[in-house]
Amino acid sequence: MRTERNLTRLDRVFARLDREPERPAHIDVPKMSRHRVVLFTATLAFYLAIVWAVVITSWLVRLDWQVMFFRPYQQWAGIHWFVDYYVVLGQRGPTAVMVASWLGWRSWRQHTLRPLLTLGVSLLLLNITVGAAKLGMGRLGPHYATVIGSNEMGLGGDIFPSGHTANAVLTWGILAYLASTPRARRWLSAASAITSLGVGMSTVYLGTHWLSDVLLGWAAGLLILLALPWCEPFIDRTETQIFDLRDRLRDRRRSRRGSTVPAPVPVPVALKPRPAPAGDSPAPELEPVPSGRQPRAPIHLAPGPHTARSERTPVTPAGSRRPPHSDRLPRGTATPAARPLTGG
């Protein structure tokens, strides 16, 4: 009898991850080194400088208006179709699906949830920081500008910093951050930098962002990418908690399955009429018949135990339903000798 439980897809995924519970030795987890701290500090200073330059309506705002009046989408109209497709590399939905698919395969191959958890934490930080900055500064985009030469701040917009640019820096940069070898990290860093640079310039070409929006978007994405080593202990604890929760749920299912006892099968009880006392005419009550009593044989069957055919008493011609025959003898008698043929 087969008693094994059919494994679900989630069980097979966790079984694959359990094959190698420790992180492979060749994967180097980036640490918050002194070089990274210096880069983070410099990027943060650049971020604050861009914000200050836009707030005080400095030369950077004048450059934004000059680029907007130049209208790149009219100067180079032949590449408009290509830029429309290329800018999708900065949209959060399509890029998240593409990168999550690759990192999911990496998690499957390396038997760890760290790539997917790192992507989830980075996107969460991006939505919080960039979203708060957009709503807090409320800058309007080039297509909705009201006063020529103004910084368009505090007017209810959500354009500063550029979300496309910040998402391109972080989403494609996470592949370099999670690279297994230094050589792959260098190549992926260069590829992600070129991709994010092209996405930022594409938004300026299309007129959906100011040039200063793109500069701040590059800084915003790079800040989160540089700060990810500070999140590694949290990612490691989250992975451990997920596996512990999985183990507790699995043990609970096993204990529940082991403590389950099949319910007893109810025995049918027959009822028979109870004799009424003398002088009373009400209908007789029914009383239960003990379950140990043998059931009575049906009327159409002969009483007594069933016997085999060889043990039954032979039936004589007199008791047989077949018509009598002068040459037929009862069963069990010797066959007489053959009669002589006459006419010889």
Protein backbone atom coordinates (compact mmCIF):
# COMPACT_ATOMS: atom_id res chain seq x y z
CA MET A 1 0.00 0.00 0.00
CA ARG A 2 1.43 3.40 -0.97
CA THR A 3 1.66 5.82 1.96
CA GLU A 4 4.05 8.46 0.51
CA ARG A 5 2.75 12.01 0.20
CA ASN A 6 2.89 13.70 -3.20
CA LEU A 7 5.36 16.60 -3.02
CA THR A 8 4.13 20.01 -4.10
CA ARG A 9 6.21 22.39 -6.23
CA LEU A 10 7.12 24.44 -3.14
CA ASP A 11 8.32 21.27 -1.37
CA ARG A 12 10.54 20.41 -4.33
CA VAL A 13 12.02 23.92 -4.35
CA PHE A 14 12.89 23.76 -0.66
CA ALA A 15 14.23 20.21 -1.09
CA ARG A 16 16.53 21.57 -3.78
CA LEU A 17 17.67 24.34 -1.46
CA ASP A 18 18.27 21.85 1.38
CA ARG A 19 20.87 19.96 -0.64
CA GLU A 20 23.49 22.55 0.27
CA PRO A 21 22.38 24.51 3.32
CA GLU A 22 25.59 26.51 3.57
CA ARG A 23 26.40 29.24 1.06
CA PRO A 24 28.91 28.02 -1.58
CA ALA A 25 32.47 28.96 -0.73
CA HIS A 26 33.23 30.59 -4.09
CA ILE A 27 30.54 33.28 -3.65
CA ASP A 28 32.00 36.43 -2.11
CA VAL A 29 29.54 38.56 -0.13
CA PRO A 30 30.51 42.25 -0.52
CA LYS A 31 31.42 43.98 2.74
CA MET A 32 31.24 47.64 3.67
CA SER A 33 34.90 48.37 3.05
CA ARG A 34 36.60 51.73 3.43
CA HIS A 35 36.59 52.24 -0.32
CA ARG A 36 32.84 51.65 -0.45
CA VAL A 37 32.26 54.04 2.47
CA VAL A 38 34.20 56.75 0.65
CA LEU A 39 32.13 56.22 -2.51
CA PHE A 40 28.91 56.28 -0.51
CA THR A 41 29.88 59.55 1.19
CA ALA A 42 30.89 61.18 -2.10
CA THR A 43 27.66 60.09 -3.78
CA LEU A 44 25.58 61.39 -0.90
CA ALA A 45 27.37 64.75 -1.12
CA PHE A 46 26.67 64.86 -4.88
CA TYR A 47 22.99 64.05 -4.19
CA LEU A 48 22.64 66.92 -1.72
CA ALA A 49 24.50 69.31 -4.05
CA ILE A 50 22.08 68.59 -6.91
CA VAL A 51 19.08 69.17 -4.65
CA TRP A 52 20.54 72.44 -3.37
CA ALA A 53 21.39 73.65 -6.88
CA VAL A 54 17.80 73.09 -8.01
CA VAL A 55 16.25 74.62 -4.88
CA ILE A 56 18.18 77.90 -5.27
CA THR A 57 17.49 78.01 -9.05
CA SER A 58 21.15 78.00 -9.99
CA TRP A 59 22.88 77.50 -13.35
CA LEU A 60 21.67 73.88 -13.33
CA VAL A 61 18.06 75.01 -13.65
CA ARG A 62 18.98 77.29 -16.54
CA LEU A 63 20.69 74.32 -18.22
CA ASP A 64 17.50 72.30 -17.76
CA TRP A 65 15.49 74.93 -19.61
CA GLN A 66 18.05 75.20 -22.43
CA VAL A 67 17.94 71.44 -23.03
CA MET A 68 14.15 71.49 -22.94
CA PHE A 69 13.97 74.30 -25.56
CA PHE A 70 16.48 72.42 -27.72
CA ARG A 71 13.88 69.61 -28.06
CA PRO A 72 16.13 66.62 -28.82
CA TYR A 73 13.16 64.53 -29.96
CA GLN A 74 12.75 66.98 -32.86
CA GLN A 75 16.45 67.41 -33.63
CA TRP A 76 17.01 63.65 -33.97
CA ALA A 77 13.58 62.39 -34.89
CA GLY A 78 14.97 59.34 -36.69
CA ILE A 79 15.88 57.50 -33.48
CA HIS A 80 12.61 58.20 -31.70
CA TRP A 81 11.29 54.69 -32.26
CA PHE A 82 14.46 53.13 -30.82
CA VAL A 83 14.43 55.37 -27.73
CA ASP A 84 10.79 54.47 -27.06
CA TYR A 85 11.80 50.79 -26.74
CA TYR A 86 15.12 51.42 -25.00
CA VAL A 87 13.59 53.43 -22.18
CA VAL A 88 11.65 50.33 -21.11
CA LEU A 89 14.93 49.10 -19.59
CA GLY A 90 14.29 51.62 -16.83
CA GLN A 91 10.67 50.76 -16.08
CA ARG A 92 10.28 49.01 -12.76
CA GLY A 93 7.84 46.29 -13.78
CA PRO A 94 9.55 44.79 -16.86
CA THR A 95 13.06 45.10 -15.41
CA ALA A 96 12.04 43.55 -12.10
CA VAL A 97 10.52 40.55 -13.90
CA MET A 98 13.60 40.02 -16.08
CA VAL A 99 16.12 40.36 -13.26
CA ALA A 100 14.00 38.29 -10.83
CA SER A 101 13.85 35.46 -13.37
CA TRP A 102 17.64 35.38 -13.64
CA LEU A 103 18.16 35.64 -9.88
CA GLY A 104 15.55 32.93 -9.30
CA TRP A 105 17.58 30.59 -11.47
CA ARG A 106 20.70 31.65 -9.52
CA SER A 107 18.94 30.79 -6.25
CA TRP A 108 18.00 27.39 -7.64
CA ARG A 109 21.52 26.63 -8.78
CA GLN A 110 23.31 27.92 -5.67
CA HIS A 111 20.75 26.51 -3.18
CA THR A 112 20.24 29.84 -1.41
CA LEU A 113 17.55 32.52 -1.24
CA ARG A 114 20.07 35.37 -0.98
CA PRO A 115 19.80 36.66 -4.61
CA LEU A 116 16.03 37.03 -4.50
CA LEU A 117 16.04 38.50 -1.00
CA THR A 118 18.71 41.02 -2.01
CA LEU A 119 16.62 42.11 -4.99
CA GLY A 120 13.52 42.45 -2.81
CA VAL A 121 15.30 44.53 -0.17
CA SER A 122 16.89 46.82 -2.77
CA LEU A 123 13.59 47.47 -4.57
CA LEU A 124 11.90 48.18 -1.24
CA LEU A 125 14.56 50.74 -0.33
CA LEU A 126 14.30 52.29 -3.80
CA ASN A 127 10.54 52.73 -3.57
CA ILE A 128 10.76 54.26 -0.10
CA THR A 129 13.64 56.69 -0.71
CA VAL A 130 12.88 57.80 -4.27
CA GLY A 131 9.14 57.92 -3.64
CA ALA A 132 9.59 60.07 -0.54
CA ALA A 133 11.92 62.44 -2.43
CA LYS A 134 9.48 62.76 -5.34
CA LEU A 135 6.53 63.59 -3.12
CA GLY A 136 8.55 65.79 -0.79
CA MET A 137 9.98 68.08 -3.46
CA GLY A 138 6.95 68.02 -5.78
CA ARG A 139 8.70 69.21 -8.95
CA LEU A 140 6.82 69.43 -12.24
CA GLY A 141 8.19 67.91 -15.44
CA PRO A 142 9.14 69.76 -18.65
CA HIS A 143 5.78 69.12 -20.31
CA TYR A 144 3.91 70.64 -17.35
CA ALA A 145 6.20 73.59 -16.56
CA THR A 146 4.41 76.85 -15.79
CA VAL A 147 7.05 79.64 -15.48
CA ILE A 148 10.08 79.82 -17.76
CA GLY A 149 13.32 79.77 -15.78
CA SER A 150 11.76 78.57 -12.51
CA ASN A 151 12.72 75.35 -10.71
CA GLU A 152 9.04 74.20 -10.65
CA MET A 153 9.48 72.91 -7.08
CA GLY A 154 6.64 72.36 -4.60
CA LEU A 155 3.90 72.35 -7.24
CA GLY A 156 2.64 68.79 -6.67
CA GLY A 157 4.74 66.99 -9.28
CA ASP A 158 6.56 63.68 -8.90
CA ILE A 159 9.44 63.99 -11.34
CA PHE A 160 12.49 64.74 -9.17
CA PRO A 161 14.55 62.47 -9.03
CA SER A 162 14.06 60.34 -12.14
CA GLY A 163 12.58 56.99 -11.16
CA HIS A 164 13.51 55.41 -14.51
CA THR A 165 17.16 56.31 -14.04
CA ALA A 166 17.37 55.25 -10.40
CA ASN A 167 15.65 51.95 -11.18
CA ALA A 168 18.02 51.25 -14.09
CA VAL A 169 21.08 51.90 -11.90
CA LEU A 170 19.84 49.63 -9.12
CA THR A 171 18.18 46.83 -11.06
CA TRP A 172 21.01 46.21 -13.49
CA GLY A 173 23.65 47.03 -10.90
CA ILE A 174 22.33 44.31 -8.61
CA LEU A 175 23.59 41.75 -11.13
CA ALA A 176 27.13 43.08 -10.69
CA TYR A 177 26.69 43.18 -6.91
CA LEU A 178 25.70 39.49 -6.83
CA ALA A 179 28.37 38.34 -9.32
CA SER A 180 30.32 35.25 -8.27
CA THR A 181 33.77 36.30 -9.53
CA PRO A 182 35.63 39.65 -9.64
CA ARG A 183 35.91 39.46 -13.42
CA ALA A 184 32.17 39.00 -13.86
CA ARG A 185 31.59 41.85 -11.41
CA ARG A 186 33.74 44.23 -13.46
CA TRP A 187 32.03 43.37 -16.75
CA LEU A 188 28.55 43.57 -15.27
CA SER A 189 29.37 46.87 -13.56
CA ALA A 190 30.41 48.39 -16.90
CA ALA A 191 27.33 47.00 -18.67
CA SER A 192 24.94 48.28 -15.98
CA ALA A 193 26.59 51.72 -16.03
CA ILE A 194 26.19 52.01 -19.81
CA THR A 195 22.57 50.80 -19.63
CA SER A 196 21.58 53.24 -16.87
CA LEU A 197 23.38 56.11 -18.65
CA GLY A 198 21.41 55.37 -21.82
CA VAL A 199 18.10 55.16 -19.93
CA GLY A 200 18.71 58.56 -18.29
CA MET A 201 19.56 60.22 -21.58
CA SER A 202 16.52 58.61 -23.19
CA THR A 203 14.20 60.34 -20.71
CA VAL A 204 15.88 63.69 -21.46
CA TYR A 205 15.54 63.02 -25.20
CA LEU A 206 11.83 62.27 -24.85
CA GLY A 207 11.28 65.40 -22.74
CA THR A 208 9.83 63.53 -19.77
CA HIS A 209 12.58 64.61 -17.33
CA TRP A 210 14.86 67.54 -16.71
CA LEU A 211 18.59 66.92 -16.93
CA SER A 212 18.90 67.53 -13.18
CA ASP A 213 16.26 64.82 -12.57
CA VAL A 214 18.50 62.32 -14.33
CA LEU A 215 21.59 63.38 -12.37
CA LEU A 216 19.73 62.93 -9.09
CA GLY A 217 18.32 59.59 -10.26
CA TRP A 218 21.82 58.25 -10.92
CA ALA A 219 22.89 59.31 -7.43
CA ALA A 220 19.77 57.85 -5.78
CA GLY A 221 20.22 54.41 -7.37
CA LEU A 222 23.94 54.34 -6.65
CA LEU A 223 23.40 55.21 -2.98
CA ILE A 224 21.19 52.16 -2.46
CA LEU A 225 23.58 49.93 -4.39
CA LEU A 226 26.53 51.07 -2.26
CA ALA A 227 24.56 50.64 0.99
CA LEU A 228 23.52 47.03 0.33
CA PRO A 229 26.38 45.46 2.39
CA TRP A 230 24.80 47.07 5.48
CA CYS A 231 21.67 45.02 4.69
CA GLU A 232 23.47 41.67 4.44
CA PRO A 233 22.94 40.67 8.13
CA PHE A 234 19.22 41.38 7.75
CA ILE A 235 19.09 39.33 4.54
CA ASP A 236 20.91 36.44 6.22
CA ARG A 237 18.53 36.47 9.22
CA THR A 238 15.51 36.61 6.91
CA GLU A 239 16.73 33.59 4.97
CA THR A 240 17.26 31.66 8.21
CA GLN A 241 13.80 32.58 9.48
CA ILE A 242 12.17 31.47 6.23
CA PHE A 243 13.80 28.05 6.46
CA ASP A 244 12.94 27.75 10.16
CA LEU A 245 9.32 28.60 9.45
CA ARG A 246 9.29 26.01 6.67
CA ASP A 247 10.69 23.37 9.04
CA ARG A 248 8.10 24.16 11.73
CA LEU A 249 5.24 23.92 9.26
CA ARG A 250 6.59 20.64 7.92
CA ASP A 251 6.94 19.16 11.44
CA ARG A 252 3.43 20.30 12.31
CA ARG A 253 2.00 18.58 9.23
CA ARG A 254 3.87 15.39 10.03
CA SER A 255 2.70 15.33 13.66
CA ARG A 256 -0.86 16.06 12.62
CA ARG A 257 -0.74 13.27 10.05
CA GLY A 258 0.74 10.82 12.59
CA SER A 259 -1.80 11.60 15.32
CA THR A 260 -4.77 11.10 13.06
CA VAL A 261 -6.66 7.87 14.05
CA PRO A 262 -9.28 6.45 11.70
CA ALA A 263 -12.79 6.76 13.11
CA PRO A 264 -14.55 3.46 14.05
CA VAL A 265 -17.01 2.10 11.53
CA PRO A 266 -20.54 2.21 12.97
CA VAL A 267 -22.22 -1.20 13.29
CA PRO A 268 -25.81 -1.26 12.03
CA VAL A 269 -28.36 -2.28 14.64
CA ALA A 270 -31.53 -4.06 13.58
CA LEU A 271 -34.80 -3.33 15.34
CA LYS A 272 -37.50 -5.88 16.23
CA PRO A 273 -40.99 -5.28 17.58
CA ARG A 274 -41.32 -5.47 21.35
CA PRO A 275 -44.38 -7.45 22.49
CA ALA A 276 -47.07 -5.24 24.00
CA PRO A 277 -48.55 -6.16 27.41
CA ALA A 278 -51.91 -7.92 27.52
CA GLY A 279 -54.93 -5.72 27.26
CA ASP A 280 -53.12 -2.87 25.63
CA SER A 281 -53.70 -1.98 22.03
CA PRO A 282 -50.97 0.57 21.15
CA ALA A 283 -48.52 -0.21 18.40
CA PRO A 284 -45.60 -2.35 19.51
CA GLU A 285 -42.32 -0.54 20.21
CA LEU A 286 -39.09 -1.47 18.51
CA GLU A 287 -36.15 -2.72 20.49
CA PRO A 288 -32.58 -3.14 19.19
CA VAL A 289 -31.33 -6.57 18.29
CA PRO A 290 -27.86 -7.45 19.61
CA SER A 291 -25.24 -7.13 16.95
CA GLY A 292 -23.84 -10.58 17.70
CA ARG A 293 -26.97 -12.45 16.52
CA GLN A 294 -26.66 -14.08 13.14
CA PRO A 295 -29.03 -12.70 10.53
CA ARG A 296 -31.83 -14.97 9.39
CA ALA A 297 -31.60 -16.51 6.00
CA PRO A 298 -33.90 -15.17 3.29
CA ILE A 299 -37.14 -17.03 2.71
CA HIS A 300 -36.26 -18.03 -0.83
CA LEU A 301 -33.16 -19.96 0.33
CA ALA A 302 -33.27 -23.43 1.78
CA PRO A 303 -32.57 -23.64 5.52
CA GLY A 304 -29.41 -25.18 6.83
CA PRO A 305 -25.81 -24.88 5.90
CA HIS A 306 -24.72 -24.85 2.30
CA THR A 307 -23.14 -28.14 1.13
CA ALA A 308 -20.95 -28.90 -1.80
CA ARG A 309 -22.38 -30.61 -4.88
CA SER A 310 -20.45 -33.83 -4.20
CA GLU A 311 -21.92 -34.12 -0.68
CA ARG A 312 -25.57 -33.78 -1.67
CA THR A 313 -27.92 -36.84 -1.59
CA PRO A 314 -28.55 -38.14 -5.10
CA VAL A 315 -32.00 -37.44 -6.37
CA THR A 316 -33.98 -40.46 -7.50
CA PRO A 317 -36.10 -40.46 -10.63
CA ALA A 318 -39.18 -40.43 -8.44
CA GLY A 319 -38.19 -37.16 -6.84
CA SER A 320 -36.78 -35.69 -9.99
CA ARG A 321 -38.64 -33.18 -12.07
CA ARG A 322 -37.58 -34.88 -15.25
CA PRO A 323 -40.10 -37.31 -16.79
CA PRO A 324 -39.48 -41.01 -16.09
CA HIS A 325 -37.71 -43.05 -18.71
CA SER A 326 -37.66 -46.83 -18.96
CA ASP A 327 -33.98 -46.97 -19.89
CA ARG A 328 -32.81 -44.38 -17.28
CA LEU A 329 -31.41 -45.76 -14.04
CA PRO A 330 -30.89 -44.02 -10.76
CA ARG A 331 -27.50 -42.47 -10.10
CA GLY A 332 -24.96 -44.69 -8.37
CA THR A 333 -26.23 -48.05 -9.76
CA ALA A 334 -24.06 -50.24 -11.93
CA THR A 335 -24.63 -50.09 -15.63
CA PRO A 336 -26.10 -53.42 -16.92
CA ALA A 337 -24.45 -55.35 -19.64
CA ALA A 338 -25.24 -54.37 -23.15
CA ARG A 339 -28.21 -56.04 -24.68
CA PRO A 340 -27.49 -58.43 -27.53
CA LEU A 341 -28.44 -57.24 -30.89
CA THR A 342 -31.21 -59.25 -32.53
CA GLY A 343 -31.70 -60.00 -36.13
CA GLY A 344 -28.36 -61.58 -36.41
